[in-house]
Amino acid sequence: MVITMWARVENDTVAELTTTDPDGRFHPSLCWVPCSDNVELGWLYSEKTFFPLRRSIALDHAFRTSSINRACEASITAGFTSDALGAPYFYTSQLDDQLNLTGAILRGLDMPYACRDVQGAKEFRLHTAEQLRQVGDDFTLYKLQLLQHANTLKQQLDAALDAGDLAALEAISWEAPQP
């Protein structure tokens, strides 16, 4: 008989299991996922799939590749800093922010554009067309650095997989490069 279970997932790992529906019982920030009764503590969770702690090197490679892709995307969309206005300002970089910035640059005119100062105050500050291009260039370089870092890590994963080196594979994880 299959018992309906829920796994609390933290950092892509099963941290807790329960047979009682957790809906409304815990803080909403906790991530509970329905699972089968064979899932165990310590299992990995990626792309709606649970992986046992003891898994093949190929599955571990796929899991780590997926984790690096997600971490890179999260870093890209977490925002970036540009000095285009003469001082550091923080710009958001979710997908719609990227499209808005591209549109502002293509417009080729001076215009207000949203950014946060060092105190975190968000305002639409006037940017010249040249300053908007600089913000775009700064984002492009930021994004490229992250993509290149992810590519390097994935090449290391591929090499570890080809060598059958599980220890080397397990040692590879995402840490955002320092600017």
N, C-alpha and C. Protein backbone atom coordinates (compact mmCIF):
# COMPACT_ATOMS: atom_id res chain seq x y z
N MET A 1 0.84 -1.17 0.00
CA MET A 1 0.00 0.00 0.00
C MET A 1 0.89 1.25 0.00
N VAL A 2 0.64 2.18 -0.93
CA VAL A 2 1.43 3.39 -1.04
C VAL A 2 0.86 4.45 -0.11
N ILE A 3 1.71 4.98 0.75
CA ILE A 3 1.31 6.04 1.67
C ILE A 3 1.69 7.37 1.04
N THR A 4 0.77 8.29 1.03
CA THR A 4 1.09 9.62 0.51
C THR A 4 2.00 10.32 1.51
N MET A 5 3.12 10.84 0.99
CA MET A 5 4.09 11.51 1.84
C MET A 5 4.43 12.87 1.25
N TRP A 6 5.05 13.69 2.06
CA TRP A 6 5.54 14.99 1.63
C TRP A 6 6.97 15.12 2.11
N ALA A 7 7.81 15.68 1.25
CA ALA A 7 9.20 15.92 1.59
C ALA A 7 9.43 17.42 1.66
N ARG A 8 10.11 17.86 2.74
CA ARG A 8 10.53 19.26 2.80
C ARG A 8 11.90 19.33 2.14
N VAL A 9 11.95 20.13 1.06
CA VAL A 9 13.17 20.25 0.28
C VAL A 9 13.88 21.55 0.64
N GLU A 10 15.15 21.42 0.97
CA GLU A 10 15.97 22.58 1.31
C GLU A 10 17.31 22.42 0.60
N ASN A 11 17.67 23.43 -0.20
CA ASN A 11 18.92 23.36 -0.97
C ASN A 11 18.98 22.09 -1.82
N ASP A 12 17.87 21.78 -2.50
CA ASP A 12 17.77 20.63 -3.40
C ASP A 12 17.92 19.28 -2.70
N THR A 13 17.75 19.23 -1.38
CA THR A 13 17.92 18.00 -0.62
C THR A 13 16.72 17.79 0.29
N VAL A 14 16.28 16.53 0.41
CA VAL A 14 15.17 16.21 1.31
C VAL A 14 15.66 16.34 2.74
N ALA A 15 15.08 17.30 3.46
CA ALA A 15 15.50 17.59 4.84
C ALA A 15 14.54 17.02 5.87
N GLU A 16 13.29 16.69 5.45
CA GLU A 16 12.28 16.22 6.40
C GLU A 16 11.20 15.51 5.62
N LEU A 17 10.58 14.52 6.24
CA LEU A 17 9.48 13.78 5.63
C LEU A 17 8.30 13.74 6.60
N THR A 18 7.10 13.72 6.04
CA THR A 18 5.90 13.59 6.87
C THR A 18 4.82 12.86 6.08
N THR A 19 3.95 12.16 6.83
CA THR A 19 2.80 11.52 6.20
C THR A 19 1.54 12.37 6.39
N THR A 20 1.68 13.49 7.11
CA THR A 20 0.57 14.40 7.33
C THR A 20 0.70 15.58 6.38
N ASP A 21 -0.37 15.87 5.67
CA ASP A 21 -0.35 16.98 4.71
C ASP A 21 0.13 18.25 5.39
N PRO A 22 1.24 18.85 4.91
CA PRO A 22 1.80 20.03 5.56
C PRO A 22 1.09 21.34 5.21
N ASP A 23 0.13 21.28 4.32
CA ASP A 23 -0.54 22.51 3.87
C ASP A 23 -1.13 23.27 5.06
N GLY A 24 -0.67 24.51 5.24
CA GLY A 24 -1.16 25.36 6.31
C GLY A 24 -0.56 25.10 7.67
N ARG A 25 0.30 24.11 7.79
CA ARG A 25 0.87 23.76 9.08
C ARG A 25 2.23 24.41 9.34
N PHE A 26 2.87 24.90 8.28
CA PHE A 26 4.22 25.43 8.41
C PHE A 26 4.31 26.79 7.75
N HIS A 27 5.41 27.48 8.00
CA HIS A 27 5.64 28.77 7.37
C HIS A 27 5.65 28.59 5.85
N PRO A 28 5.01 29.52 5.11
CA PRO A 28 4.92 29.36 3.65
C PRO A 28 6.27 29.34 2.94
N SER A 29 7.33 29.80 3.58
CA SER A 29 8.64 29.80 2.92
C SER A 29 9.24 28.40 2.82
N LEU A 30 8.70 27.45 3.62
CA LEU A 30 9.20 26.08 3.54
C LEU A 30 8.63 25.40 2.31
N CYS A 31 9.48 24.68 1.62
CA CYS A 31 9.08 24.01 0.38
C CYS A 31 8.75 22.55 0.64
N TRP A 32 7.45 22.22 0.59
CA TRP A 32 6.99 20.84 0.76
C TRP A 32 6.55 20.30 -0.59
N VAL A 33 6.98 19.08 -0.92
CA VAL A 33 6.69 18.47 -2.21
C VAL A 33 6.10 17.08 -1.97
N PRO A 34 4.96 16.76 -2.61
CA PRO A 34 4.43 15.41 -2.46
C PRO A 34 5.43 14.39 -3.03
N CYS A 35 5.52 13.23 -2.38
CA CYS A 35 6.46 12.22 -2.85
C CYS A 35 5.92 10.83 -2.54
N SER A 36 6.56 9.85 -3.11
CA SER A 36 6.17 8.47 -2.83
C SER A 36 6.77 8.04 -1.49
N ASP A 37 6.31 6.90 -0.98
CA ASP A 37 6.76 6.47 0.33
C ASP A 37 8.16 5.88 0.34
N ASN A 38 8.81 5.79 -0.82
CA ASN A 38 10.18 5.26 -0.83
C ASN A 38 11.25 6.36 -0.76
N VAL A 39 10.85 7.64 -0.80
CA VAL A 39 11.79 8.75 -0.71
C VAL A 39 12.36 8.79 0.70
N GLU A 40 13.66 9.07 0.82
CA GLU A 40 14.33 9.07 2.12
C GLU A 40 15.03 10.40 2.36
N LEU A 41 15.33 10.68 3.64
CA LEU A 41 16.10 11.86 4.00
C LEU A 41 17.43 11.85 3.25
N GLY A 42 17.84 13.04 2.79
CA GLY A 42 19.11 13.16 2.11
C GLY A 42 19.03 12.99 0.61
N TRP A 43 17.87 12.50 0.11
CA TRP A 43 17.74 12.37 -1.34
C TRP A 43 17.79 13.75 -1.97
N LEU A 44 18.19 13.79 -3.20
CA LEU A 44 18.24 15.04 -3.96
C LEU A 44 16.94 15.24 -4.71
N TYR A 45 16.60 16.51 -4.94
CA TYR A 45 15.38 16.85 -5.66
C TYR A 45 15.72 17.88 -6.73
N SER A 46 15.42 17.56 -7.98
CA SER A 46 15.70 18.47 -9.09
C SER A 46 14.68 18.25 -10.18
N GLU A 47 14.17 19.37 -10.69
CA GLU A 47 13.23 19.34 -11.81
C GLU A 47 12.10 18.34 -11.58
N LYS A 48 11.49 18.43 -10.40
CA LYS A 48 10.32 17.64 -10.01
C LYS A 48 10.61 16.15 -9.89
N THR A 49 11.88 15.79 -9.67
CA THR A 49 12.26 14.39 -9.55
C THR A 49 13.14 14.20 -8.32
N PHE A 50 12.88 13.13 -7.57
CA PHE A 50 13.70 12.77 -6.42
C PHE A 50 14.75 11.77 -6.87
N PHE A 51 15.99 11.96 -6.39
CA PHE A 51 17.08 11.07 -6.70
C PHE A 51 17.61 10.46 -5.41
N PRO A 52 17.77 9.13 -5.36
CA PRO A 52 18.30 8.52 -4.14
C PRO A 52 19.73 8.98 -3.88
N LEU A 53 20.10 8.91 -2.61
CA LEU A 53 21.44 9.32 -2.22
C LEU A 53 22.48 8.52 -2.99
N ARG A 54 22.24 7.23 -3.09
CA ARG A 54 23.14 6.40 -3.89
C ARG A 54 22.57 6.35 -5.30
N ARG A 55 23.26 6.99 -6.21
CA ARG A 55 22.77 7.08 -7.57
C ARG A 55 23.93 6.87 -8.51
N SER A 56 23.65 6.75 -9.74
CA SER A 56 24.71 6.56 -10.72
C SER A 56 25.42 7.88 -10.97
N ILE A 57 26.63 7.78 -11.47
CA ILE A 57 27.41 8.97 -11.77
C ILE A 57 26.72 9.78 -12.87
N ALA A 58 26.03 9.10 -13.78
CA ALA A 58 25.32 9.80 -14.86
C ALA A 58 24.17 10.63 -14.30
N LEU A 59 23.43 10.09 -13.33
CA LEU A 59 22.35 10.84 -12.70
C LEU A 59 22.90 12.01 -11.90
N ASP A 60 24.01 11.79 -11.21
CA ASP A 60 24.63 12.87 -10.43
C ASP A 60 25.10 13.97 -11.38
N HIS A 61 25.65 13.60 -12.51
CA HIS A 61 26.09 14.57 -13.52
C HIS A 61 24.89 15.40 -13.99
N ALA A 62 23.79 14.72 -14.31
CA ALA A 62 22.59 15.43 -14.78
C ALA A 62 22.05 16.36 -13.70
N PHE A 63 22.04 15.90 -12.46
CA PHE A 63 21.55 16.71 -11.36
C PHE A 63 22.41 17.95 -11.17
N ARG A 64 23.72 17.77 -11.16
CA ARG A 64 24.63 18.90 -10.95
C ARG A 64 24.61 19.87 -12.13
N THR A 65 24.48 19.36 -13.32
CA THR A 65 24.37 20.24 -14.50
C THR A 65 23.11 21.09 -14.39
N SER A 66 22.01 20.47 -14.03
CA SER A 66 20.75 21.19 -13.84
C SER A 66 20.87 22.23 -12.73
N SER A 67 21.53 21.87 -11.63
CA SER A 67 21.71 22.81 -10.52
C SER A 67 22.54 24.02 -10.94
N ILE A 68 23.58 23.79 -11.72
CA ILE A 68 24.42 24.90 -12.20
C ILE A 68 23.61 25.80 -13.12
N ASN A 69 22.81 25.21 -14.01
CA ASN A 69 21.98 26.02 -14.90
C ASN A 69 21.01 26.90 -14.10
N ARG A 70 20.37 26.32 -13.08
CA ARG A 70 19.42 27.09 -12.27
C ARG A 70 20.12 28.19 -11.48
N ALA A 71 21.29 27.86 -10.92
CA ALA A 71 22.04 28.85 -10.13
C ALA A 71 22.53 29.99 -11.02
N CYS A 72 22.96 29.68 -12.22
CA CYS A 72 23.42 30.72 -13.15
C CYS A 72 22.25 31.63 -13.51
N GLU A 73 21.11 31.04 -13.83
CA GLU A 73 19.94 31.85 -14.16
C GLU A 73 19.52 32.72 -12.98
N ALA A 74 19.56 32.17 -11.78
CA ALA A 74 19.21 32.95 -10.59
C ALA A 74 20.17 34.12 -10.39
N SER A 75 21.45 33.89 -10.65
CA SER A 75 22.43 34.97 -10.52
C SER A 75 22.21 36.05 -11.57
N ILE A 76 21.90 35.63 -12.80
CA ILE A 76 21.65 36.60 -13.88
C ILE A 76 20.46 37.47 -13.55
N THR A 77 19.42 36.88 -13.01
CA THR A 77 18.19 37.63 -12.75
C THR A 77 18.15 38.29 -11.37
N ALA A 78 19.24 38.20 -10.62
CA ALA A 78 19.29 38.78 -9.27
C ALA A 78 19.62 40.27 -9.29
N GLY A 79 19.98 40.81 -10.42
CA GLY A 79 20.31 42.22 -10.52
C GLY A 79 21.80 42.44 -10.62
N PHE A 80 22.18 43.67 -10.97
CA PHE A 80 23.58 43.99 -11.18
C PHE A 80 23.80 45.47 -10.87
N THR A 81 25.05 45.85 -10.78
CA THR A 81 25.42 47.23 -10.48
C THR A 81 26.10 47.85 -11.69
N SER A 82 25.78 49.12 -11.92
CA SER A 82 26.42 49.87 -13.00
C SER A 82 26.80 51.25 -12.47
N ASP A 83 27.92 51.76 -12.96
CA ASP A 83 28.40 53.10 -12.62
C ASP A 83 28.07 54.10 -13.72
N ALA A 84 27.14 53.76 -14.60
CA ALA A 84 26.84 54.62 -15.76
C ALA A 84 26.43 56.04 -15.36
N LEU A 85 25.84 56.19 -14.18
CA LEU A 85 25.41 57.52 -13.73
C LEU A 85 26.51 58.25 -12.94
N GLY A 86 27.70 57.66 -12.89
CA GLY A 86 28.80 58.30 -12.18
C GLY A 86 29.00 57.77 -10.77
N ALA A 87 28.11 56.96 -10.31
CA ALA A 87 28.19 56.30 -8.99
C ALA A 87 27.50 54.94 -9.14
N PRO A 88 27.77 54.01 -8.23
CA PRO A 88 27.13 52.69 -8.36
C PRO A 88 25.63 52.75 -8.08
N TYR A 89 24.86 52.20 -9.01
CA TYR A 89 23.42 52.04 -8.85
C TYR A 89 23.08 50.59 -9.17
N PHE A 90 22.05 50.08 -8.48
CA PHE A 90 21.62 48.70 -8.66
C PHE A 90 20.44 48.67 -9.63
N TYR A 91 20.53 47.78 -10.61
CA TYR A 91 19.48 47.61 -11.62
C TYR A 91 18.94 46.19 -11.52
N THR A 92 17.62 46.05 -11.59
CA THR A 92 17.01 44.73 -11.57
C THR A 92 17.21 44.07 -12.93
N SER A 93 17.19 42.73 -12.95
CA SER A 93 17.48 42.03 -14.20
C SER A 93 16.63 40.79 -14.42
N GLN A 94 15.40 40.82 -13.91
CA GLN A 94 14.47 39.76 -14.30
C GLN A 94 14.27 39.86 -15.82
N LEU A 95 13.67 38.85 -16.43
CA LEU A 95 13.53 38.84 -17.88
C LEU A 95 12.82 40.09 -18.40
N ASP A 96 11.75 40.53 -17.72
CA ASP A 96 11.05 41.73 -18.18
C ASP A 96 11.93 42.97 -18.01
N ASP A 97 12.79 43.00 -17.01
CA ASP A 97 13.73 44.11 -16.84
C ASP A 97 14.73 44.13 -17.99
N GLN A 98 15.18 42.95 -18.40
CA GLN A 98 16.12 42.88 -19.52
C GLN A 98 15.48 43.40 -20.80
N LEU A 99 14.21 43.03 -21.01
CA LEU A 99 13.49 43.52 -22.20
C LEU A 99 13.27 45.03 -22.13
N ASN A 100 12.93 45.53 -20.95
CA ASN A 100 12.74 46.98 -20.79
C ASN A 100 14.03 47.74 -21.06
N LEU A 101 15.14 47.22 -20.56
CA LEU A 101 16.43 47.89 -20.80
C LEU A 101 16.77 47.88 -22.28
N THR A 102 16.57 46.76 -22.93
CA THR A 102 16.83 46.69 -24.37
C THR A 102 15.97 47.69 -25.13
N GLY A 103 14.70 47.79 -24.76
CA GLY A 103 13.81 48.75 -25.41
C GLY A 103 14.25 50.18 -25.19
N ALA A 104 14.69 50.49 -23.98
CA ALA A 104 15.15 51.84 -23.67
C ALA A 104 16.41 52.17 -24.48
N ILE A 105 17.31 51.20 -24.60
CA ILE A 105 18.53 51.41 -25.38
C ILE A 105 18.20 51.61 -26.85
N LEU A 106 17.32 50.77 -27.38
CA LEU A 106 16.95 50.87 -28.80
C LEU A 106 16.24 52.18 -29.12
N ARG A 107 15.55 52.73 -28.15
CA ARG A 107 14.87 54.01 -28.35
C ARG A 107 15.88 55.10 -28.69
N GLY A 108 17.06 55.02 -28.08
CA GLY A 108 18.14 55.93 -28.41
C GLY A 108 17.95 57.36 -27.93
N LEU A 109 17.10 57.55 -26.94
CA LEU A 109 16.83 58.90 -26.41
C LEU A 109 17.10 58.94 -24.91
N ASP A 110 17.30 60.14 -24.39
CA ASP A 110 17.41 60.32 -22.95
C ASP A 110 16.05 59.99 -22.35
N MET A 111 16.06 59.30 -21.20
CA MET A 111 14.79 58.97 -20.56
C MET A 111 15.03 58.52 -19.12
N PRO A 112 13.99 58.63 -18.30
CA PRO A 112 14.12 58.11 -16.93
C PRO A 112 14.15 56.58 -16.97
N TYR A 113 14.96 56.01 -16.09
CA TYR A 113 15.04 54.55 -16.00
C TYR A 113 15.22 54.19 -14.53
N ALA A 114 14.55 53.14 -14.07
CA ALA A 114 14.55 52.77 -12.65
C ALA A 114 15.86 52.12 -12.22
N CYS A 115 16.34 52.56 -11.06
CA CYS A 115 17.51 51.95 -10.42
C CYS A 115 17.47 52.31 -8.94
N ARG A 116 18.28 51.61 -8.16
CA ARG A 116 18.34 51.85 -6.72
C ARG A 116 19.70 52.44 -6.35
N ASP A 117 19.68 53.41 -5.44
CA ASP A 117 20.94 53.98 -4.96
C ASP A 117 21.52 53.06 -3.88
N VAL A 118 22.64 53.45 -3.30
CA VAL A 118 23.31 52.59 -2.31
C VAL A 118 22.48 52.40 -1.04
N GLN A 119 21.53 53.29 -0.78
CA GLN A 119 20.64 53.11 0.36
C GLN A 119 19.44 52.23 0.01
N GLY A 120 19.30 51.86 -1.26
CA GLY A 120 18.20 51.01 -1.69
C GLY A 120 16.98 51.75 -2.18
N ALA A 121 17.06 53.07 -2.28
CA ALA A 121 15.91 53.85 -2.74
C ALA A 121 15.76 53.71 -4.26
N LYS A 122 14.60 53.24 -4.67
CA LYS A 122 14.33 53.05 -6.10
C LYS A 122 13.67 54.30 -6.65
N GLU A 123 14.25 54.80 -7.73
CA GLU A 123 13.69 55.96 -8.42
C GLU A 123 13.92 55.81 -9.91
N PHE A 124 13.07 56.50 -10.67
CA PHE A 124 13.30 56.61 -12.11
C PHE A 124 14.22 57.82 -12.29
N ARG A 125 15.50 57.54 -12.50
CA ARG A 125 16.50 58.60 -12.66
C ARG A 125 16.74 58.84 -14.15
N LEU A 126 16.93 60.10 -14.50
CA LEU A 126 17.17 60.46 -15.89
C LEU A 126 18.51 59.88 -16.33
N HIS A 127 18.48 59.13 -17.43
CA HIS A 127 19.67 58.56 -18.06
C HIS A 127 19.77 59.14 -19.47
N THR A 128 20.98 59.49 -19.89
CA THR A 128 21.16 59.86 -21.29
C THR A 128 21.17 58.57 -22.10
N ALA A 129 21.02 58.70 -23.40
CA ALA A 129 21.07 57.52 -24.26
C ALA A 129 22.40 56.78 -24.08
N GLU A 130 23.48 57.55 -23.93
CA GLU A 130 24.80 56.95 -23.73
C GLU A 130 24.87 56.20 -22.40
N GLN A 131 24.27 56.77 -21.35
CA GLN A 131 24.26 56.10 -20.04
C GLN A 131 23.45 54.81 -20.10
N LEU A 132 22.33 54.83 -20.81
CA LEU A 132 21.53 53.61 -20.96
C LEU A 132 22.33 52.53 -21.69
N ARG A 133 23.08 52.92 -22.73
CA ARG A 133 23.92 51.95 -23.44
C ARG A 133 24.97 51.39 -22.48
N GLN A 134 25.52 52.25 -21.62
CA GLN A 134 26.53 51.79 -20.66
C GLN A 134 25.92 50.79 -19.67
N VAL A 135 24.70 51.08 -19.20
CA VAL A 135 24.02 50.13 -18.31
C VAL A 135 23.84 48.80 -19.04
N GLY A 136 23.43 48.85 -20.29
CA GLY A 136 23.27 47.63 -21.09
C GLY A 136 24.58 46.90 -21.27
N ASP A 137 25.65 47.64 -21.54
CA ASP A 137 26.97 47.02 -21.69
C ASP A 137 27.42 46.37 -20.38
N ASP A 138 27.18 47.06 -19.26
CA ASP A 138 27.55 46.50 -17.95
C ASP A 138 26.78 45.21 -17.68
N PHE A 139 25.49 45.20 -18.03
CA PHE A 139 24.71 43.98 -17.82
C PHE A 139 25.21 42.85 -18.72
N THR A 140 25.50 43.18 -19.97
CA THR A 140 25.98 42.16 -20.91
C THR A 140 27.27 41.53 -20.40
N LEU A 141 28.19 42.34 -19.91
CA LEU A 141 29.45 41.80 -19.39
C LEU A 141 29.22 40.96 -18.13
N TYR A 142 28.32 41.43 -17.26
CA TYR A 142 27.96 40.69 -16.05
C TYR A 142 27.38 39.32 -16.42
N LYS A 143 26.44 39.33 -17.34
CA LYS A 143 25.79 38.09 -17.76
C LYS A 143 26.78 37.15 -18.43
N LEU A 144 27.63 37.69 -19.29
CA LEU A 144 28.62 36.87 -19.99
C LEU A 144 29.58 36.21 -18.99
N GLN A 145 30.00 36.95 -17.98
CA GLN A 145 30.88 36.38 -16.96
C GLN A 145 30.21 35.18 -16.28
N LEU A 146 28.93 35.32 -15.95
CA LEU A 146 28.21 34.22 -15.30
C LEU A 146 28.05 33.03 -16.23
N LEU A 147 27.71 33.28 -17.49
CA LEU A 147 27.53 32.20 -18.46
C LEU A 147 28.85 31.46 -18.71
N GLN A 148 29.94 32.20 -18.79
CA GLN A 148 31.25 31.57 -18.99
C GLN A 148 31.64 30.72 -17.78
N HIS A 149 31.34 31.23 -16.58
CA HIS A 149 31.62 30.48 -15.36
C HIS A 149 30.81 29.18 -15.36
N ALA A 150 29.53 29.27 -15.69
CA ALA A 150 28.68 28.07 -15.74
C ALA A 150 29.22 27.08 -16.77
N ASN A 151 29.63 27.58 -17.91
CA ASN A 151 30.17 26.70 -18.95
C ASN A 151 31.44 25.99 -18.47
N THR A 152 32.32 26.71 -17.78
CA THR A 152 33.54 26.10 -17.24
C THR A 152 33.19 24.98 -16.26
N LEU A 153 32.24 25.24 -15.37
CA LEU A 153 31.83 24.22 -14.41
C LEU A 153 31.22 23.00 -15.11
N LYS A 154 30.41 23.24 -16.13
CA LYS A 154 29.79 22.12 -16.85
C LYS A 154 30.84 21.32 -17.64
N GLN A 155 31.87 21.97 -18.14
CA GLN A 155 32.96 21.24 -18.79
C GLN A 155 33.70 20.38 -17.77
N GLN A 156 33.89 20.90 -16.56
CA GLN A 156 34.52 20.11 -15.50
C GLN A 156 33.65 18.90 -15.13
N LEU A 157 32.33 19.11 -15.09
CA LEU A 157 31.42 17.99 -14.83
C LEU A 157 31.54 16.94 -15.93
N ASP A 158 31.58 17.39 -17.18
CA ASP A 158 31.70 16.46 -18.30
C ASP A 158 33.00 15.66 -18.21
N ALA A 159 34.09 16.33 -17.85
CA ALA A 159 35.38 15.65 -17.73
C ALA A 159 35.34 14.62 -16.60
N ALA A 160 34.72 14.98 -15.47
CA ALA A 160 34.61 14.04 -14.35
C ALA A 160 33.75 12.85 -14.73
N LEU A 161 32.68 13.09 -15.47
CA LEU A 161 31.82 11.99 -15.93
C LEU A 161 32.59 11.08 -16.87
N ASP A 162 33.30 11.67 -17.83
CA ASP A 162 34.08 10.88 -18.79
C ASP A 162 35.14 10.03 -18.08
N ALA A 163 35.71 10.58 -16.99
CA ALA A 163 36.74 9.85 -16.24
C ALA A 163 36.13 8.89 -15.22
N GLY A 164 34.82 8.96 -15.03
CA GLY A 164 34.17 8.12 -14.03
C GLY A 164 34.57 8.49 -12.62
N ASP A 165 34.92 9.75 -12.40
CA ASP A 165 35.43 10.24 -11.12
C ASP A 165 34.32 10.89 -10.31
N LEU A 166 33.64 10.08 -9.49
CA LEU A 166 32.52 10.58 -8.69
C LEU A 166 32.96 11.64 -7.68
N ALA A 167 34.12 11.47 -7.08
CA ALA A 167 34.61 12.44 -6.10
C ALA A 167 34.83 13.80 -6.76
N ALA A 168 35.41 13.81 -7.95
CA ALA A 168 35.61 15.08 -8.67
C ALA A 168 34.27 15.69 -9.03
N LEU A 169 33.33 14.86 -9.45
CA LEU A 169 32.00 15.35 -9.81
C LEU A 169 31.32 15.99 -8.60
N GLU A 170 31.41 15.34 -7.44
CA GLU A 170 30.77 15.85 -6.24
C GLU A 170 31.41 17.14 -5.72
N ALA A 171 32.65 17.40 -6.12
CA ALA A 171 33.36 18.59 -5.66
C ALA A 171 32.99 19.84 -6.47
N ILE A 172 32.26 19.65 -7.55
CA ILE A 172 31.91 20.77 -8.44
C ILE A 172 30.54 21.30 -8.08
N SER A 173 30.50 22.60 -7.74
CA SER A 173 29.21 23.23 -7.45
C SER A 173 29.31 24.72 -7.79
N TRP A 174 28.17 25.35 -7.87
CA TRP A 174 28.10 26.76 -8.26
C TRP A 174 28.50 27.66 -7.11
N GLU A 175 29.38 28.55 -7.39
CA GLU A 175 29.66 29.72 -6.55
C GLU A 175 29.83 30.85 -7.53
N ALA A 176 29.01 31.88 -7.40
CA ALA A 176 29.06 32.99 -8.35
C ALA A 176 30.45 33.62 -8.32
N PRO A 177 31.01 33.90 -9.49
CA PRO A 177 32.31 34.54 -9.54
C PRO A 177 32.25 35.96 -8.98
N GLN A 178 33.33 36.39 -8.41
CA GLN A 178 33.40 37.75 -7.86
C GLN A 178 33.66 38.73 -8.99
N PRO A 179 32.98 39.89 -8.95
CA PRO A 179 33.19 40.86 -10.05
C PRO A 179 34.59 41.42 -10.07
